[in-house]
Amino acid sequence: MRAMTLEILASLRERFPQGARVELLRMDDPQAPAIGTRGTVRGVDDSGSIMVAWDSGGSLNVLFGVDECRKVGD
C-alpha cells in the first residue's frame, strides 16, 4: 500500500467527487459486492478510502492501495 500524502488525497477527491458514479473492479473483502457493481460516491475520507453507496445496498469503502474502482459516466 502506498503512503497517503496531501497531494494524493486532493487528487482522489477531485477524481471521485461526491455524487460520482463508480464501478467496482477489485475488492479484497469477503463481504464485497460483486465485481462490476456500481454505486454512488459519498466522499473520500482522510485515509483516501472512497466511501460508496453501492446500488446493491451495501456501503463498503474502496480502500486506497488495496481495492479498485473506476469512474463511470451514468
N, C-alpha and C. Protein backbone atom coordinates (compact mmCIF):
# COMPACT_ATOMS: atom_id res chain seq x y z
N MET A 1 0.84 -1.18 0.00
CA MET A 1 0.00 0.00 0.00
C MET A 1 0.89 1.24 0.00
N ARG A 2 0.54 2.21 -0.82
CA ARG A 2 1.29 3.46 -0.88
C ARG A 2 0.91 4.35 0.28
N ALA A 3 1.85 5.19 0.72
CA ALA A 3 1.59 6.13 1.80
C ALA A 3 0.69 7.26 1.29
N MET A 4 -0.25 7.68 2.13
CA MET A 4 -1.15 8.77 1.78
C MET A 4 -0.43 10.10 1.96
N THR A 5 -0.53 10.94 0.95
CA THR A 5 0.00 12.30 1.03
C THR A 5 -1.14 13.27 0.77
N LEU A 6 -0.94 14.52 1.11
CA LEU A 6 -1.97 15.52 0.85
C LEU A 6 -2.24 15.66 -0.64
N GLU A 7 -1.20 15.49 -1.46
CA GLU A 7 -1.37 15.59 -2.91
C GLU A 7 -2.23 14.44 -3.44
N ILE A 8 -1.95 13.22 -2.97
CA ILE A 8 -2.75 12.06 -3.41
C ILE A 8 -4.19 12.23 -2.95
N LEU A 9 -4.39 12.66 -1.71
CA LEU A 9 -5.73 12.85 -1.17
C LEU A 9 -6.50 13.88 -1.99
N ALA A 10 -5.87 15.00 -2.31
CA ALA A 10 -6.52 16.03 -3.12
C ALA A 10 -6.87 15.49 -4.51
N SER A 11 -5.98 14.69 -5.09
CA SER A 11 -6.23 14.11 -6.40
C SER A 11 -7.41 13.14 -6.37
N LEU A 12 -7.48 12.30 -5.34
CA LEU A 12 -8.59 11.36 -5.20
C LEU A 12 -9.92 12.10 -5.05
N ARG A 13 -9.91 13.16 -4.25
CA ARG A 13 -11.14 13.92 -4.02
C ARG A 13 -11.59 14.64 -5.29
N GLU A 14 -10.65 15.04 -6.12
CA GLU A 14 -11.01 15.67 -7.39
C GLU A 14 -11.52 14.63 -8.38
N ARG A 15 -10.88 13.47 -8.39
CA ARG A 15 -11.25 12.41 -9.34
C ARG A 15 -12.56 11.73 -8.98
N PHE A 16 -12.85 11.62 -7.67
CA PHE A 16 -14.05 10.94 -7.20
C PHE A 16 -14.88 11.87 -6.32
N PRO A 17 -15.49 12.91 -6.90
CA PRO A 17 -16.28 13.85 -6.10
C PRO A 17 -17.58 13.20 -5.62
N GLN A 18 -18.14 13.78 -4.58
CA GLN A 18 -19.44 13.30 -4.08
C GLN A 18 -20.44 13.29 -5.22
N GLY A 19 -21.18 12.19 -5.35
CA GLY A 19 -22.18 12.06 -6.41
C GLY A 19 -21.68 11.36 -7.66
N ALA A 20 -20.35 11.19 -7.78
CA ALA A 20 -19.80 10.50 -8.95
C ALA A 20 -20.24 9.04 -8.93
N ARG A 21 -20.40 8.47 -10.11
CA ARG A 21 -20.76 7.06 -10.23
C ARG A 21 -19.48 6.25 -10.47
N VAL A 22 -19.36 5.11 -9.78
CA VAL A 22 -18.20 4.24 -9.91
C VAL A 22 -18.63 2.80 -10.13
N GLU A 23 -17.70 2.01 -10.66
CA GLU A 23 -17.89 0.58 -10.85
C GLU A 23 -16.76 -0.15 -10.13
N LEU A 24 -17.09 -1.17 -9.38
CA LEU A 24 -16.11 -1.93 -8.63
C LEU A 24 -15.31 -2.83 -9.57
N LEU A 25 -13.97 -2.76 -9.47
CA LEU A 25 -13.09 -3.59 -10.28
C LEU A 25 -12.42 -4.68 -9.44
N ARG A 26 -12.11 -4.35 -8.16
CA ARG A 26 -11.45 -5.31 -7.28
C ARG A 26 -11.68 -4.86 -5.84
N MET A 27 -12.02 -5.83 -4.96
CA MET A 27 -12.15 -5.52 -3.53
C MET A 27 -11.75 -6.76 -2.75
N ASP A 28 -10.81 -6.59 -1.84
CA ASP A 28 -10.28 -7.69 -1.03
C ASP A 28 -11.06 -7.78 0.28
N ASP A 29 -12.30 -8.25 0.19
CA ASP A 29 -13.16 -8.36 1.37
C ASP A 29 -14.20 -9.44 1.09
N PRO A 30 -14.39 -10.38 2.02
CA PRO A 30 -15.38 -11.43 1.77
C PRO A 30 -16.82 -10.90 1.67
N GLN A 31 -17.08 -9.72 2.18
CA GLN A 31 -18.41 -9.12 2.12
C GLN A 31 -18.58 -8.16 0.94
N ALA A 32 -17.59 -8.13 0.05
CA ALA A 32 -17.59 -7.19 -1.07
C ALA A 32 -18.76 -7.44 -2.01
N PRO A 33 -19.28 -6.37 -2.60
CA PRO A 33 -20.26 -6.55 -3.67
C PRO A 33 -19.57 -7.23 -4.86
N ALA A 34 -20.36 -7.75 -5.76
CA ALA A 34 -19.82 -8.43 -6.94
C ALA A 34 -19.02 -7.45 -7.81
N ILE A 35 -17.96 -7.96 -8.41
CA ILE A 35 -17.20 -7.16 -9.37
C ILE A 35 -18.17 -6.66 -10.44
N GLY A 36 -18.05 -5.39 -10.79
CA GLY A 36 -18.95 -4.80 -11.78
C GLY A 36 -20.11 -4.05 -11.15
N THR A 37 -20.31 -4.22 -9.82
CA THR A 37 -21.37 -3.49 -9.14
C THR A 37 -21.07 -2.00 -9.21
N ARG A 38 -22.11 -1.22 -9.43
CA ARG A 38 -21.96 0.23 -9.50
C ARG A 38 -22.52 0.88 -8.23
N GLY A 39 -22.04 2.08 -7.98
CA GLY A 39 -22.51 2.81 -6.82
C GLY A 39 -22.23 4.29 -6.96
N THR A 40 -22.65 5.04 -5.93
CA THR A 40 -22.50 6.49 -5.92
C THR A 40 -21.54 6.89 -4.80
N VAL A 41 -20.56 7.71 -5.15
CA VAL A 41 -19.56 8.18 -4.18
C VAL A 41 -20.22 9.11 -3.17
N ARG A 42 -19.95 8.83 -1.88
CA ARG A 42 -20.43 9.70 -0.80
C ARG A 42 -19.32 10.64 -0.34
N GLY A 43 -18.08 10.36 -0.74
CA GLY A 43 -16.95 11.20 -0.37
C GLY A 43 -15.69 10.37 -0.31
N VAL A 44 -14.57 11.05 -0.01
CA VAL A 44 -13.28 10.40 0.19
C VAL A 44 -12.81 10.79 1.58
N ASP A 45 -12.54 9.78 2.44
CA ASP A 45 -12.12 10.10 3.81
C ASP A 45 -10.64 10.47 3.86
N ASP A 46 -10.16 10.83 5.04
CA ASP A 46 -8.79 11.32 5.20
C ASP A 46 -7.72 10.25 4.95
N SER A 47 -8.11 8.98 4.94
CA SER A 47 -7.15 7.91 4.64
C SER A 47 -7.12 7.61 3.14
N GLY A 48 -7.99 8.28 2.36
CA GLY A 48 -8.05 8.08 0.92
C GLY A 48 -9.03 7.02 0.49
N SER A 49 -9.79 6.47 1.43
CA SER A 49 -10.81 5.48 1.07
C SER A 49 -12.00 6.18 0.42
N ILE A 50 -12.48 5.59 -0.66
CA ILE A 50 -13.64 6.14 -1.36
C ILE A 50 -14.89 5.54 -0.74
N MET A 51 -15.72 6.39 -0.17
CA MET A 51 -16.94 5.94 0.51
C MET A 51 -18.04 5.86 -0.54
N VAL A 52 -18.60 4.64 -0.71
CA VAL A 52 -19.54 4.38 -1.80
C VAL A 52 -20.84 3.80 -1.25
N ALA A 53 -21.95 4.31 -1.75
CA ALA A 53 -23.26 3.69 -1.53
C ALA A 53 -23.51 2.80 -2.74
N TRP A 54 -23.32 1.49 -2.57
CA TRP A 54 -23.45 0.56 -3.68
C TRP A 54 -24.91 0.36 -4.06
N ASP A 55 -25.18 0.23 -5.34
CA ASP A 55 -26.54 0.01 -5.84
C ASP A 55 -27.15 -1.26 -5.26
N SER A 56 -26.31 -2.20 -4.85
CA SER A 56 -26.78 -3.46 -4.27
C SER A 56 -27.21 -3.32 -2.82
N GLY A 57 -27.01 -2.12 -2.25
CA GLY A 57 -27.45 -1.86 -0.88
C GLY A 57 -26.35 -1.78 0.15
N GLY A 58 -25.14 -2.19 -0.18
CA GLY A 58 -24.03 -2.14 0.77
C GLY A 58 -23.35 -0.78 0.79
N SER A 59 -22.38 -0.66 1.70
CA SER A 59 -21.66 0.62 1.80
C SER A 59 -20.19 0.43 2.15
N LEU A 60 -19.57 -0.68 1.72
CA LEU A 60 -18.15 -0.87 1.99
C LEU A 60 -17.32 0.15 1.21
N ASN A 61 -16.31 0.69 1.89
CA ASN A 61 -15.41 1.65 1.25
C ASN A 61 -14.45 0.95 0.31
N VAL A 62 -14.03 1.66 -0.73
CA VAL A 62 -12.98 1.19 -1.63
C VAL A 62 -11.67 1.68 -1.00
N LEU A 63 -10.88 0.76 -0.46
CA LEU A 63 -9.69 1.12 0.30
C LEU A 63 -8.54 1.53 -0.62
N PHE A 64 -7.95 2.66 -0.32
CA PHE A 64 -6.82 3.17 -1.10
C PHE A 64 -5.67 2.17 -1.08
N GLY A 65 -5.14 1.85 -2.26
CA GLY A 65 -3.99 0.97 -2.38
C GLY A 65 -4.30 -0.51 -2.25
N VAL A 66 -5.56 -0.86 -1.99
CA VAL A 66 -5.95 -2.27 -1.82
C VAL A 66 -7.02 -2.64 -2.85
N ASP A 67 -8.09 -1.89 -2.86
CA ASP A 67 -9.23 -2.14 -3.74
C ASP A 67 -9.16 -1.21 -4.96
N GLU A 68 -10.03 -1.45 -5.92
CA GLU A 68 -10.01 -0.62 -7.13
C GLU A 68 -11.41 -0.43 -7.69
N CYS A 69 -11.68 0.81 -8.08
CA CYS A 69 -12.93 1.12 -8.80
C CYS A 69 -12.59 2.10 -9.89
N ARG A 70 -13.54 2.29 -10.79
CA ARG A 70 -13.33 3.28 -11.85
C ARG A 70 -14.58 4.14 -11.93
N LYS A 71 -14.36 5.37 -12.30
CA LYS A 71 -15.46 6.30 -12.51
C LYS A 71 -16.18 5.95 -13.80
N VAL A 72 -17.50 5.98 -13.76
CA VAL A 72 -18.31 5.69 -14.95
C VAL A 72 -19.23 6.88 -15.22
N GLY A 73 -19.68 7.00 -16.45
CA GLY A 73 -20.48 8.15 -16.85
C GLY A 73 -21.97 7.90 -16.85
N ASP A 74 -22.55 7.59 -15.71
CA ASP A 74 -24.01 7.41 -15.63
C ASP A 74 -24.70 8.75 -15.49
